[in-house]
Amino acid sequence: MALFTIPAGNHSWSHPSWFLGPAREIAVYLAKRRSRLALSNMTSDQLRDIGITPDQAEAEIAKSWFWI
């Protein structure tokens, strides 16, 4: 005998929509932060290889003021 049963069907509680919006925003923020952190560790030659000037990299890095 099961302690509880889960009814069949599509349930909003399995992935509440109120959670997906903020979770997606956090994921995007963290991805941008990782990219900016990677830029901050690149040399001028590496930046040139990907087509970015040091000034452009600095401007992008400055957008992530929190924890960098």
Protein backbone atom coordinates (compact mmCIF):
# COMPACT_ATOMS: atom_id res chain seq x y z
CA MET A 1 0.00 0.00 0.00
CA ALA A 2 1.37 3.39 -1.02
CA LEU A 3 1.58 6.20 1.48
CA PHE A 4 0.30 8.61 -1.12
CA THR A 5 -0.61 8.59 -4.77
CA ILE A 6 0.29 11.05 -7.47
CA PRO A 7 -2.59 11.59 -9.86
CA ALA A 8 -1.79 11.35 -13.57
CA GLY A 9 -1.74 14.45 -15.71
CA ASN A 10 0.13 17.69 -16.15
CA HIS A 11 0.57 19.40 -12.80
CA SER A 12 1.69 22.94 -12.22
CA TRP A 13 3.39 21.93 -8.97
CA SER A 14 5.93 19.78 -10.81
CA HIS A 15 7.58 22.94 -12.17
CA PRO A 16 5.76 26.01 -10.91
CA SER A 17 5.78 28.85 -13.40
CA TRP A 18 6.48 31.37 -10.65
CA PHE A 19 9.82 29.62 -10.12
CA LEU A 20 10.93 29.34 -13.75
CA GLY A 21 11.13 33.08 -14.43
CA PRO A 22 13.49 33.94 -11.55
CA ALA A 23 15.48 30.72 -12.05
CA ARG A 24 16.03 31.56 -15.72
CA GLU A 25 17.09 35.11 -14.84
CA ILE A 26 19.60 33.81 -12.31
CA ALA A 27 20.98 31.33 -14.85
CA VAL A 28 21.43 34.10 -17.44
CA TYR A 29 23.08 36.36 -14.86
CA LEU A 30 25.51 33.61 -13.85
CA ALA A 31 26.36 32.82 -17.49
CA LYS A 32 27.12 36.49 -18.18
CA ARG A 33 29.19 36.68 -15.02
CA ARG A 34 31.25 33.63 -16.05
CA SER A 35 31.85 35.19 -19.49
CA ARG A 36 32.91 38.48 -17.96
CA LEU A 37 35.20 36.71 -15.52
CA ALA A 38 36.79 34.84 -18.43
CA LEU A 39 37.29 38.15 -20.26
CA SER A 40 38.98 39.61 -17.21
CA ASN A 41 41.55 36.79 -17.27
CA MET A 42 42.42 37.12 -20.97
CA THR A 43 45.56 38.75 -22.30
CA SER A 44 45.51 41.44 -24.99
CA ASP A 45 46.53 38.84 -27.57
CA GLN A 46 43.69 36.52 -26.57
CA LEU A 47 41.19 39.38 -26.71
CA ARG A 48 42.44 40.30 -30.18
CA ASP A 49 42.01 36.65 -31.26
CA ILE A 50 38.30 36.84 -30.46
CA GLY A 51 37.92 40.30 -32.00
CA ILE A 52 37.62 42.40 -28.85
CA THR A 53 39.78 45.33 -27.84
CA PRO A 54 40.96 45.67 -24.23
CA ASP A 55 38.72 48.74 -23.90
CA GLN A 56 35.68 46.76 -25.05
CA ALA A 57 36.56 43.98 -22.60
CA GLU A 58 36.90 46.47 -19.74
CA ALA A 59 33.51 47.99 -20.60
CA GLU A 60 31.88 44.54 -20.58
CA ILE A 61 33.63 43.51 -17.35
CA ALA A 62 32.46 46.72 -15.67
CA LYS A 63 28.83 45.67 -16.23
CA SER A 64 29.32 42.88 -13.69
CA TRP A 65 30.11 44.97 -10.66
CA PHE A 66 28.95 42.38 -8.14
CA TRP A 67 31.60 39.83 -7.01
CA ILE A 68 34.22 40.77 -9.57
